[in-house]
């Protein structure tokens, strides 16, 4: 009698109730009979049954698979509060398994992965913020590499930045970054797992950049270029230089070294000089390297009106002979190019360039 009563009670319960009770046996036999319930969206959260299943790691894979196959349209439903699809929710809860992520991806088109939340975040943003393990990142990127380029609406952060903030929000991660910047060696698995994700996203981004042509071999060498294409945080780029100084001496298909890119893009403005100093301390020769267009970093810097103490001084100290080189566009020496520009910055820079090598004025 008790068993009959229990069965009647279970029959009266919604699929959501069965999920919350983790009554997998009853859910397994019921889900096919109540397919219409899979289409329902709850009034409070705006979740479908698939959203609920994605929020609970213990859900058996066969039930998960059945729900996806019975109503794949749920994959595009965004909830009310955050605008999250089931994939977003699942990526917040995939620290130990990738199997369910694969199930969802098998029923999604590549462009579906670019669906953002109300804040613009992709499923990869959620995976990074939720500490999902590496295979989850790999599957998302395999399904659509362009997901690494998606930016949040307000702060224009890529998933790489979300991963960085997630790492720094742990005491362990914060201490690891501080130690590496001090020149110490960090061997913890926690950092290695983080760095594997970082390299994956940066190299993927570089392959999507316009300067990656015919550079598929040993793609990890271009990780720093990938950082710059994604506008990675300053400290992240400084860590890359500490850990892999050999990346600083690698040019892209346009002949630009990481030093050229910093001067061209000016990603941190008043803090650009910190990165410029780090780059030239490792590979000073880059300051005198001409790219495919014939430009050395100093002429790019001068045309962009970079101030003397904002980076030009560091370039000159790295390779003093650049003061005797000529601009490919105008044929002018650095001090003359600076003098041809208007403004207080141009006057100060011209004075400093002449002071650094007064003999060039007699040439």
Foldseek 3Di string as FASTA:
>chain_A
DVVVVVVVVLVPDALLVCLVVVVQVSLVVCCVVPLVQQPDADPPWRAGSLLSVLQDVVRDPVSNLVSCVSCVVQQCRAIDPWGDGSLLNNLLPAQDDCVSVVSNLVSDALVSQQDATPQFQGSLLSNLLSNHFDVNLVVNCVRPVCQQCTATDPPGAGSLQSNVVSQCVDPVSVVVLVQLLVLHDDDDPVVVRSVVSLLVSLLSQLVVDPQAPPPPPPSSLQSLVSCLSNLPDPSVSLSCCSVCVSSQPDATNQQQGSLLSCLQPVSPPQCSQVVLLSSLVSPLCQQVGATNVGDGSLVSNLVVLPACSSHNVSSCVSPVCQQLAADPPPRHGSLVSLCVDDDPRSVRRSVVSCVSPVVSVVD
